[in-house]
Amino acid sequence: MLKDAGIEHEYREYTEDPLTATELKALFGKLKCGPRDVLRKRDAKTLGLSGDESDAQLIKLMAQHPTLLERPIGIKGRQAVVGRPVENLLELI
């Protein structure tokens, strides 16, 4: 969608280059939410997680298992949005 709209962007393949715990903490600040808010429930259940884990535990797990993180996520400067629906990404323009 961004490419079709002529919007310059950089894509990061999260499975090959997952975010570190430090990057995830910074991301949650930009999203103005906690890890539980962007936890993919289906993937969490697959790993035997309840969703009641502490923020620190979830961040560590998201760094180890990047599929736990809802995606796509768009970041621009100090702002970030979850692209569900993908039109949310247009908020960053």
PDB file of N, CA and C in Angstrom:
ATOM      1  N   MET A   1       0.827  -1.182   0.000  1.00  0.00           N
ATOM      2  CA  MET A   1       0.000   0.000   0.000  1.00  0.00           C
ATOM      3  C   MET A   1       0.878   1.255   0.000  1.00  0.00           C
ATOM      4  N   LEU A   2       1.914   1.265   0.843  1.00  0.00           N
ATOM      5  CA  LEU A   2       2.791   2.430   0.908  1.00  0.00           C
ATOM      6  C   LEU A   2       3.531   2.620  -0.416  1.00  0.00           C
ATOM      7  N   LYS A   3       4.006   1.531  -0.974  1.00  0.00           N
ATOM      8  CA  LYS A   3       4.718   1.599  -2.245  1.00  0.00           C
ATOM      9  C   LYS A   3       3.792   2.116  -3.343  1.00  0.00           C
ATOM     10  N   ASP A   4       2.566   1.602  -3.376  1.00  0.00           N
ATOM     11  CA  ASP A   4       1.595   2.030  -4.381  1.00  0.00           C
ATOM     12  C   ASP A   4       1.261   3.510  -4.245  1.00  0.00           C
ATOM     13  N   ALA A   5       1.328   4.027  -3.022  1.00  0.00           N
ATOM     14  CA  ALA A   5       1.026   5.437  -2.776  1.00  0.00           C
ATOM     15  C   ALA A   5       2.256   6.327  -2.973  1.00  0.00           C
ATOM     16  N   GLY A   6       3.401   5.706  -3.335  1.00  0.00           N
ATOM     17  CA  GLY A   6       4.617   6.484  -3.558  1.00  0.00           C
ATOM     18  C   GLY A   6       5.258   6.987  -2.282  1.00  0.00           C
ATOM     19  N   ILE A   7       4.976   6.306  -1.171  1.00  0.00           N
ATOM     20  CA  ILE A   7       5.508   6.724   0.123  1.00  0.00           C
ATOM     21  C   ILE A   7       6.793   5.952   0.398  1.00  0.00           C
ATOM     22  N   GLU A   8       7.867   6.704   0.573  1.00  0.00           N
ATOM     23  CA  GLU A   8       9.157   6.080   0.847  1.00  0.00           C
ATOM     24  C   GLU A   8       9.125   5.420   2.221  1.00  0.00           C
ATOM     25  N   HIS A   9       9.642   4.199   2.286  1.00  0.00           N
ATOM     26  CA  HIS A   9       9.657   3.482   3.554  1.00  0.00           C
ATOM     27  C   HIS A   9      10.754   2.432   3.534  1.00  0.00           C
ATOM     28  N   GLU A  10      11.079   1.964   4.708  1.00  0.00           N
ATOM     29  CA  GLU A  10      12.066   0.899   4.857  1.00  0.00           C
ATOM     30  C   GLU A  10      11.372  -0.277   5.518  1.00  0.00           C
ATOM     31  N   TYR A  11      11.580  -1.467   4.980  1.00  0.00           N
ATOM     32  CA  TYR A  11      10.953  -2.668   5.519  1.00  0.00           C
ATOM     33  C   TYR A  11      12.003  -3.483   6.257  1.00  0.00           C
ATOM     34  N   ARG A  12      11.655  -3.947   7.425  1.00  0.00           N
ATOM     35  CA  ARG A  12      12.544  -4.794   8.211  1.00  0.00           C
ATOM     36  C   ARG A  12      11.899  -6.164   8.332  1.00  0.00           C
ATOM     37  N   GLU A  13      12.587  -7.183   7.881  1.00  0.00           N
ATOM     38  CA  GLU A  13      12.073  -8.548   7.966  1.00  0.00           C
ATOM     39  C   GLU A  13      12.233  -9.020   9.412  1.00  0.00           C
ATOM     40  N   TYR A  14      11.154  -8.971  10.149  1.00  0.00           N
ATOM     41  CA  TYR A  14      11.184  -9.224  11.589  1.00  0.00           C
ATOM     42  C   TYR A  14      11.624 -10.630  11.963  1.00  0.00           C
ATOM     43  N   THR A  15      11.421 -11.606  11.079  1.00  0.00           N
ATOM     44  CA  THR A  15      11.841 -12.969  11.420  1.00  0.00           C
ATOM     45  C   THR A  15      13.340 -13.166  11.219  1.00  0.00           C
ATOM     46  N   GLU A  16      13.925 -12.431  10.294  1.00  0.00           N
ATOM     47  CA  GLU A  16      15.360 -12.526  10.050  1.00  0.00           C
ATOM     48  C   GLU A  16      16.152 -11.552  10.908  1.00  0.00           C
ATOM     49  N   ASP A  17      15.544 -10.424  11.254  1.00  0.00           N
ATOM     50  CA  ASP A  17      16.200  -9.372  12.031  1.00  0.00           C
ATOM     51  C   ASP A  17      15.233  -8.889  13.119  1.00  0.00           C
ATOM     52  N   PRO A  18      14.989  -9.749  14.130  1.00  0.00           N
ATOM     53  CA  PRO A  18      13.997  -9.382  15.153  1.00  0.00           C
ATOM     54  C   PRO A  18      14.440  -8.196  15.986  1.00  0.00           C
ATOM     55  N   LEU A  19      13.463  -7.493  16.520  1.00  0.00           N
ATOM     56  CA  LEU A  19      13.759  -6.377  17.403  1.00  0.00           C
ATOM     57  C   LEU A  19      14.340  -6.902  18.711  1.00  0.00           C
ATOM     58  N   THR A  20      15.281  -6.164  19.247  1.00  0.00           N
ATOM     59  CA  THR A  20      15.863  -6.521  20.531  1.00  0.00           C
ATOM     60  C   THR A  20      14.919  -6.057  21.640  1.00  0.00           C
ATOM     61  N   ALA A  21      15.176  -6.503  22.848  1.00  0.00           N
ATOM     62  CA  ALA A  21      14.365  -6.072  23.993  1.00  0.00           C
ATOM     63  C   ALA A  21      14.433  -4.554  24.139  1.00  0.00           C
ATOM     64  N   THR A  22      15.608  -3.977  23.928  1.00  0.00           N
ATOM     65  CA  THR A  22      15.762  -2.517  24.024  1.00  0.00           C
ATOM     66  C   THR A  22      14.937  -1.814  22.955  1.00  0.00           C
ATOM     67  N   GLU A  23      14.967  -2.341  21.726  1.00  0.00           N
ATOM     68  CA  GLU A  23      14.170  -1.751  20.648  1.00  0.00           C
ATOM     69  C   GLU A  23      12.677  -1.895  20.927  1.00  0.00           C
ATOM     70  N   LEU A  24      12.279  -3.027  21.485  1.00  0.00           N
ATOM     71  CA  LEU A  24      10.871  -3.233  21.811  1.00  0.00           C
ATOM     72  C   LEU A  24      10.400  -2.240  22.871  1.00  0.00           C
ATOM     73  N   LYS A  25      11.207  -2.010  23.890  1.00  0.00           N
ATOM     74  CA  LYS A  25      10.831  -1.034  24.928  1.00  0.00           C
ATOM     75  C   LYS A  25      10.635   0.347  24.320  1.00  0.00           C
ATOM     76  N   ALA A  26      11.548   0.746  23.437  1.00  0.00           N
ATOM     77  CA  ALA A  26      11.424   2.048  22.773  1.00  0.00           C
ATOM     78  C   ALA A  26      10.175   2.080  21.890  1.00  0.00           C
ATOM     79  N   LEU A  27       9.909   0.976  21.210  1.00  0.00           N
ATOM     80  CA  LEU A  27       8.730   0.888  20.351  1.00  0.00           C
ATOM     81  C   LEU A  27       7.450   1.060  21.152  1.00  0.00           C
ATOM     82  N   PHE A  28       7.359   0.428  22.307  1.00  0.00           N
ATOM     83  CA  PHE A  28       6.145   0.547  23.113  1.00  0.00           C
ATOM     84  C   PHE A  28       5.938   1.982  23.585  1.00  0.00           C
ATOM     85  N   GLY A  29       7.036   2.704  23.811  1.00  0.00           N
ATOM     86  CA  GLY A  29       6.912   4.119  24.141  1.00  0.00           C
ATOM     87  C   GLY A  29       6.315   4.906  22.989  1.00  0.00           C
ATOM     88  N   LYS A  30       6.750   4.601  21.776  1.00  0.00           N
ATOM     89  CA  LYS A  30       6.225   5.293  20.593  1.00  0.00           C
ATOM     90  C   LYS A  30       4.774   4.904  20.309  1.00  0.00           C
ATOM     91  N   LEU A  31       4.451   3.647  20.577  1.00  0.00           N
ATOM     92  CA  LEU A  31       3.069   3.186  20.372  1.00  0.00           C
ATOM     93  C   LEU A  31       2.140   3.657  21.494  1.00  0.00           C
ATOM     94  N   LYS A  32       2.744   4.064  22.604  1.00  0.00           N
ATOM     95  CA  LYS A  32       1.986   4.473  23.796  1.00  0.00           C
ATOM     96  C   LYS A  32       1.115   3.326  24.307  1.00  0.00           C
ATOM     97  N   CYS A  33       1.739   2.148  24.365  1.00  0.00           N
ATOM     98  CA  CYS A  33       1.041   0.970  24.877  1.00  0.00           C
ATOM     99  C   CYS A  33       2.067   0.012  25.462  1.00  0.00           C
ATOM    100  N   GLY A  34       1.582  -1.059  26.027  1.00  0.00           N
ATOM    101  CA  GLY A  34       2.457  -2.074  26.581  1.00  0.00           C
ATOM    102  C   GLY A  34       2.496  -3.301  25.690  1.00  0.00           C
ATOM    103  N   PRO A  35       3.385  -4.233  25.988  1.00  0.00           N
ATOM    104  CA  PRO A  35       3.515  -5.423  25.155  1.00  0.00           C
ATOM    105  C   PRO A  35       2.241  -6.257  25.071  1.00  0.00           C
ATOM    106  N   ARG A  36       1.464  -6.276  26.119  1.00  0.00           N
ATOM    107  CA  ARG A  36       0.217  -7.052  26.126  1.00  0.00           C
ATOM    108  C   ARG A  36      -0.769  -6.523  25.073  1.00  0.00           C
ATOM    109  N   ASP A  37      -0.699  -5.221  24.810  1.00  0.00           N
ATOM    110  CA  ASP A  37      -1.614  -4.594  23.863  1.00  0.00           C
ATOM    111  C   ASP A  37      -1.348  -5.000  22.416  1.00  0.00           C
ATOM    112  N   VAL A  38      -0.140  -5.460  22.129  1.00  0.00           N
ATOM    113  CA  VAL A  38       0.207  -5.850  20.761  1.00  0.00           C
ATOM    114  C   VAL A  38       0.649  -7.314  20.689  1.00  0.00           C
ATOM    115  N   LEU A  39       0.227  -8.075  21.661  1.00  0.00           N
ATOM    116  CA  LEU A  39       0.533  -9.504  21.715  1.00  0.00           C
ATOM    117  C   LEU A  39      -0.430 -10.261  20.811  1.00  0.00           C
ATOM    118  N   ARG A  40       0.116 -11.022  19.894  1.00  0.00           N
ATOM    119  CA  ARG A  40      -0.721 -11.856  19.022  1.00  0.00           C
ATOM    120  C   ARG A  40      -1.193 -13.051  19.833  1.00  0.00           C
ATOM    121  N   LYS A  41      -2.456 -13.063  20.135  1.00  0.00           N
ATOM    122  CA  LYS A  41      -3.036 -14.074  21.033  1.00  0.00           C
ATOM    123  C   LYS A  41      -2.849 -15.497  20.521  1.00  0.00           C
ATOM    124  N   ARG A  42      -3.053 -15.699  19.238  1.00  0.00           N
ATOM    125  CA  ARG A  42      -2.932 -17.041  18.677  1.00  0.00           C
ATOM    126  C   ARG A  42      -1.502 -17.569  18.832  1.00  0.00           C
ATOM    127  N   ASP A  43      -0.519 -16.727  18.518  1.00  0.00           N
ATOM    128  CA  ASP A  43       0.878 -17.152  18.658  1.00  0.00           C
ATOM    129  C   ASP A  43       1.256 -17.340  20.119  1.00  0.00           C
ATOM    130  N   ALA A  44       0.686 -16.528  20.994  1.00  0.00           N
ATOM    131  CA  ALA A  44       0.948 -16.668  22.429  1.00  0.00           C
ATOM    132  C   ALA A  44       0.442 -18.023  22.927  1.00  0.00           C
ATOM    133  N   LYS A  45      -0.753 -18.393  22.514  1.00  0.00           N
ATOM    134  CA  LYS A  45      -1.313 -19.683  22.933  1.00  0.00           C
ATOM    135  C   LYS A  45      -0.463 -20.840  22.421  1.00  0.00           C
ATOM    136  N   THR A  46       0.039 -20.706  21.198  1.00  0.00           N
ATOM    137  CA  THR A  46       0.892 -21.748  20.624  1.00  0.00           C
ATOM    138  C   THR A  46       2.124 -21.983  21.503  1.00  0.00           C
ATOM    139  N   LEU A  47       2.631 -20.919  22.117  1.00  0.00           N
ATOM    140  CA  LEU A  47       3.809 -21.030  22.986  1.00  0.00           C
ATOM    141  C   LEU A  47       3.429 -21.312  24.442  1.00  0.00           C
ATOM    142  N   GLY A  48       2.129 -21.505  24.694  1.00  0.00           N
ATOM    143  CA  GLY A  48       1.684 -21.816  26.044  1.00  0.00           C
ATOM    144  C   GLY A  48       1.615 -20.614  26.966  1.00  0.00           C
ATOM    145  N   LEU A  49       1.500 -19.423  26.393  1.00  0.00           N
ATOM    146  CA  LEU A  49       1.417 -18.204  27.200  1.00  0.00           C
ATOM    147  C   LEU A  49      -0.041 -17.877  27.506  1.00  0.00           C
ATOM    148  N   SER A  50      -0.251 -17.270  28.653  1.00  0.00           N
ATOM    149  CA  SER A  50      -1.598 -16.909  29.058  1.00  0.00           C
ATOM    150  C   SER A  50      -1.940 -15.459  28.718  1.00  0.00           C
ATOM    151  N   GLY A  51      -0.914 -14.627  28.520  1.00  0.00           N
ATOM    152  CA  GLY A  51      -1.138 -13.198  28.338  1.00  0.00           C
ATOM    153  C   GLY A  51      -1.064 -12.464  29.659  1.00  0.00           C
ATOM    154  N   ASP A  52      -0.950 -13.214  30.753  1.00  0.00           N
ATOM    155  CA  ASP A  52      -0.844 -12.608  32.080  1.00  0.00           C
ATOM    156  C   ASP A  52       0.609 -12.445  32.518  1.00  0.00           C
ATOM    157  N   GLU A  53       1.544 -12.765  31.638  1.00  0.00           N
ATOM    158  CA  GLU A  53       2.958 -12.620  31.966  1.00  0.00           C
ATOM    159  C   GLU A  53       3.277 -11.141  32.199  1.00  0.00           C
ATOM    160  N   SER A  54       4.342 -10.877  32.919  1.00  0.00           N
ATOM    161  CA  SER A  54       4.742  -9.491  33.178  1.00  0.00           C
ATOM    162  C   SER A  54       5.219  -8.842  31.886  1.00  0.00           C
ATOM    163  N   ASP A  55       5.238  -7.509  31.859  1.00  0.00           N
ATOM    164  CA  ASP A  55       5.737  -6.793  30.691  1.00  0.00           C
ATOM    165  C   ASP A  55       7.169  -7.221  30.383  1.00  0.00           C
ATOM    166  N   ALA A  56       7.992  -7.350  31.406  1.00  0.00           N
ATOM    167  CA  ALA A  56       9.397  -7.743  31.206  1.00  0.00           C
ATOM    168  C   ALA A  56       9.477  -9.128  30.564  1.00  0.00           C
ATOM    169  N   GLN A  57       8.644 -10.052  31.025  1.00  0.00           N
ATOM    170  CA  GLN A  57       8.645 -11.400  30.442  1.00  0.00           C
ATOM    171  C   GLN A  57       8.190 -11.356  28.984  1.00  0.00           C
ATOM    172  N   LEU A  58       7.134 -10.597  28.715  1.00  0.00           N
ATOM    173  CA  LEU A  58       6.622 -10.519  27.345  1.00  0.00           C
ATOM    174  C   LEU A  58       7.639  -9.888  26.400  1.00  0.00           C
ATOM    175  N   ILE A  59       8.318  -8.855  26.860  1.00  0.00           N
ATOM    176  CA  ILE A  59       9.332  -8.211  26.022  1.00  0.00           C
ATOM    177  C   ILE A  59      10.450  -9.201  25.703  1.00  0.00           C
ATOM    178  N   LYS A  60      10.892  -9.915  26.695  1.00  0.00           N
ATOM    179  CA  LYS A  60      11.951 -10.915  26.479  1.00  0.00           C
ATOM    180  C   LYS A  60      11.483 -11.978  25.481  1.00  0.00           C
ATOM    181  N   LEU A  61      10.254 -12.442  25.656  1.00  0.00           N
ATOM    182  CA  LEU A  61       9.706 -13.464  24.763  1.00  0.00           C
ATOM    183  C   LEU A  61       9.505 -12.940  23.345  1.00  0.00           C
ATOM    184  N   MET A  62       9.079 -11.676  23.217  1.00  0.00           N
ATOM    185  CA  MET A  62       8.891 -11.083  21.889  1.00  0.00           C
ATOM    186  C   MET A  62      10.226 -10.941  21.154  1.00  0.00           C
ATOM    187  N   ALA A  63      11.288 -10.673  21.901  1.00  0.00           N
ATOM    188  CA  ALA A  63      12.613 -10.588  21.283  1.00  0.00           C
ATOM    189  C   ALA A  63      13.061 -11.968  20.792  1.00  0.00           C
ATOM    190  N   GLN A  64      12.685 -13.001  21.531  1.00  0.00           N
ATOM    191  CA  GLN A  64      13.056 -14.375  21.161  1.00  0.00           C
ATOM    192  C   GLN A  64      12.126 -14.960  20.102  1.00  0.00           C
ATOM    193  N   HIS A  65      10.859 -14.556  20.150  1.00  0.00           N
ATOM    194  CA  HIS A  65       9.831 -15.089  19.243  1.00  0.00           C
ATOM    195  C   HIS A  65       9.096 -13.904  18.600  1.00  0.00           C
ATOM    196  N   PRO A  66       9.665 -13.317  17.558  1.00  0.00           N
ATOM    197  CA  PRO A  66       9.090 -12.092  16.983  1.00  0.00           C
ATOM    198  C   PRO A  66       7.670 -12.233  16.453  1.00  0.00           C
ATOM    199  N   THR A  67       7.220 -13.456  16.208  1.00  0.00           N
ATOM    200  CA  THR A  67       5.844 -13.620  15.725  1.00  0.00           C
ATOM    201  C   THR A  67       4.820 -13.290  16.809  1.00  0.00           C
ATOM    202  N   LEU A  68       5.252 -13.113  18.045  1.00  0.00           N
ATOM    203  CA  LEU A  68       4.335 -12.729  19.121  1.00  0.00           C
ATOM    204  C   LEU A  68       3.859 -11.285  18.980  1.00  0.00           C
ATOM    205  N   LEU A  69       4.583 -10.499  18.220  1.00  0.00           N
ATOM    206  CA  LEU A  69       4.296  -9.072  18.079  1.00  0.00           C
ATOM    207  C   LEU A  69       3.350  -8.829  16.910  1.00  0.00           C
ATOM    208  N   GLU A  70       2.263  -8.118  17.177  1.00  0.00           N
ATOM    209  CA  GLU A  70       1.314  -7.745  16.123  1.00  0.00           C
ATOM    210  C   GLU A  70       2.059  -6.946  15.056  1.00  0.00           C
ATOM    211  N   ARG A  71       1.679  -7.112  13.817  1.00  0.00           N
ATOM    212  CA  ARG A  71       2.349  -6.426  12.734  1.00  0.00           C
ATOM    213  C   ARG A  71       1.378  -6.223  11.581  1.00  0.00           C
ATOM    214  N   PRO A  72       1.696  -5.342  10.668  1.00  0.00           N
ATOM    215  CA  PRO A  72       2.892  -4.517  10.587  1.00  0.00           C
ATOM    216  C   PRO A  72       2.835  -3.355  11.564  1.00  0.00           C
ATOM    217  N   ILE A  73       3.997  -2.800  11.827  1.00  0.00           N
ATOM    218  CA  ILE A  73       4.100  -1.614  12.662  1.00  0.00           C
ATOM    219  C   ILE A  73       4.863  -0.570  11.863  1.00  0.00           C
ATOM    220  N   GLY A  74       4.283   0.601  11.788  1.00  0.00           N
ATOM    221  CA  GLY A  74       4.941   1.711  11.110  1.00  0.00           C
ATOM    222  C   GLY A  74       5.527   2.652  12.141  1.00  0.00           C
ATOM    223  N   ILE A  75       6.729   3.134  11.864  1.00  0.00           N
ATOM    224  CA  ILE A  75       7.406   4.049  12.784  1.00  0.00           C
ATOM    225  C   ILE A  75       7.883   5.252  11.994  1.00  0.00           C
ATOM    226  N   LYS A  76       7.624   6.421  12.540  1.00  0.00           N
ATOM    227  CA  LYS A  76       8.128   7.657  11.948  1.00  0.00           C
ATOM    228  C   LYS A  76       8.488   8.594  13.090  1.00  0.00           C
ATOM    229  N   GLY A  77       9.772   8.813  13.255  1.00  0.00           N
ATOM    230  CA  GLY A  77      10.219   9.679  14.334  1.00  0.00           C
ATOM    231  C   GLY A  77       9.811   9.119  15.686  1.00  0.00           C
ATOM    232  N   ARG A  78       9.061   9.910  16.432  1.00  0.00           N
ATOM    233  CA  ARG A  78       8.626   9.504  17.775  1.00  0.00           C
ATOM    234  C   ARG A  78       7.251   8.858  17.792  1.00  0.00           C
ATOM    235  N   GLN A  79       6.689   8.621  16.622  1.00  0.00           N
ATOM    236  CA  GLN A  79       5.359   8.025  16.521  1.00  0.00           C
ATOM    237  C   GLN A  79       5.438   6.624  15.946  1.00  0.00           C
ATOM    238  N   ALA A  80       4.502   5.796  16.323  1.00  0.00           N
ATOM    239  CA  ALA A  80       4.368   4.461  15.751  1.00  0.00           C
ATOM    240  C   ALA A  80       2.893   4.069  15.788  1.00  0.00           C
ATOM    241  N   VAL A  81       2.497   3.262  14.836  1.00  0.00           N
ATOM    242  CA  VAL A  81       1.139   2.735  14.793  1.00  0.00           C
ATOM    243  C   VAL A  81       1.179   1.280  14.360  1.00  0.00           C
ATOM    244  N   VAL A  82       0.232   0.519  14.860  1.00  0.00           N
ATOM    245  CA  VAL A  82       0.056  -0.854  14.401  1.00  0.00           C
ATOM    246  C   VAL A  82      -0.799  -0.791  13.149  1.00  0.00           C
ATOM    247  N   GLY A  83      -0.341  -1.427  12.104  1.00  0.00           N
ATOM    248  CA  GLY A  83      -1.037  -1.397  10.822  1.00  0.00           C
ATOM    249  C   GLY A  83      -2.142  -2.418  10.705  1.00  0.00           C
ATOM    250  N   ARG A  84      -3.013  -2.468  11.677  1.00  0.00           N
ATOM    251  CA  ARG A  84      -4.194  -3.325  11.640  1.00  0.00           C
ATOM    252  C   ARG A  84      -5.387  -2.440  11.954  1.00  0.00           C
ATOM    253  N   PRO A  85      -6.153  -2.036  11.022  1.00  0.00           N
ATOM    254  CA  PRO A  85      -6.028  -2.297   9.598  1.00  0.00           C
ATOM    255  C   PRO A  85      -4.844  -1.522   9.005  1.00  0.00           C
ATOM    256  N   VAL A  86      -4.404  -1.934   7.833  1.00  0.00           N
ATOM    257  CA  VAL A  86      -3.214  -1.336   7.235  1.00  0.00           C
ATOM    258  C   VAL A  86      -3.361   0.156   6.989  1.00  0.00           C
ATOM    259  N   GLU A  87      -4.570   0.633   6.857  1.00  0.00           N
ATOM    260  CA  GLU A  87      -4.798   2.063   6.648  1.00  0.00           C
ATOM    261  C   GLU A  87      -4.294   2.894   7.829  1.00  0.00           C
ATOM    262  N   ASN A  88      -4.129   2.261   9.005  1.00  0.00           N
ATOM    263  CA  ASN A  88      -3.580   2.975  10.162  1.00  0.00           C
ATOM    264  C   ASN A  88      -2.203   3.550   9.853  1.00  0.00           C
ATOM    265  N   LEU A  89      -1.471   2.895   8.955  1.00  0.00           N
ATOM    266  CA  LEU A  89      -0.133   3.374   8.606  1.00  0.00           C
ATOM    267  C   LEU A  89      -0.166   4.760   7.999  1.00  0.00           C
ATOM    268  N   LEU A  90      -1.265   5.117   7.381  1.00  0.00           N
ATOM    269  CA  LEU A  90      -1.389   6.444   6.759  1.00  0.00           C
ATOM    270  C   LEU A  90      -1.391   7.559   7.806  1.00  0.00           C
ATOM    271  N   GLU A  91      -1.644   7.234   9.076  1.00  0.00           N
ATOM    272  CA  GLU A  91      -1.610   8.232  10.144  1.00  0.00           C
ATOM    273  C   GLU A  91      -0.224   8.830  10.304  1.00  0.00           C
ATOM    274  N   LEU A  92       0.793   8.141   9.827  1.00  0.00           N
ATOM    275  CA  LEU A  92       2.165   8.609   9.991  1.00  0.00           C
ATOM    276  C   LEU A  92       2.591   9.593   8.911  1.00  0.00           C
ATOM    277  N   ILE A  93       1.750   9.781   7.905  1.00  0.00           N
ATOM    278  CA  ILE A  93       2.114  10.677   6.795  1.00  0.00           C
ATOM    279  C   ILE A  93       1.882  12.112   7.184  1.00  0.00           C
TER     280      ILE A  93
END
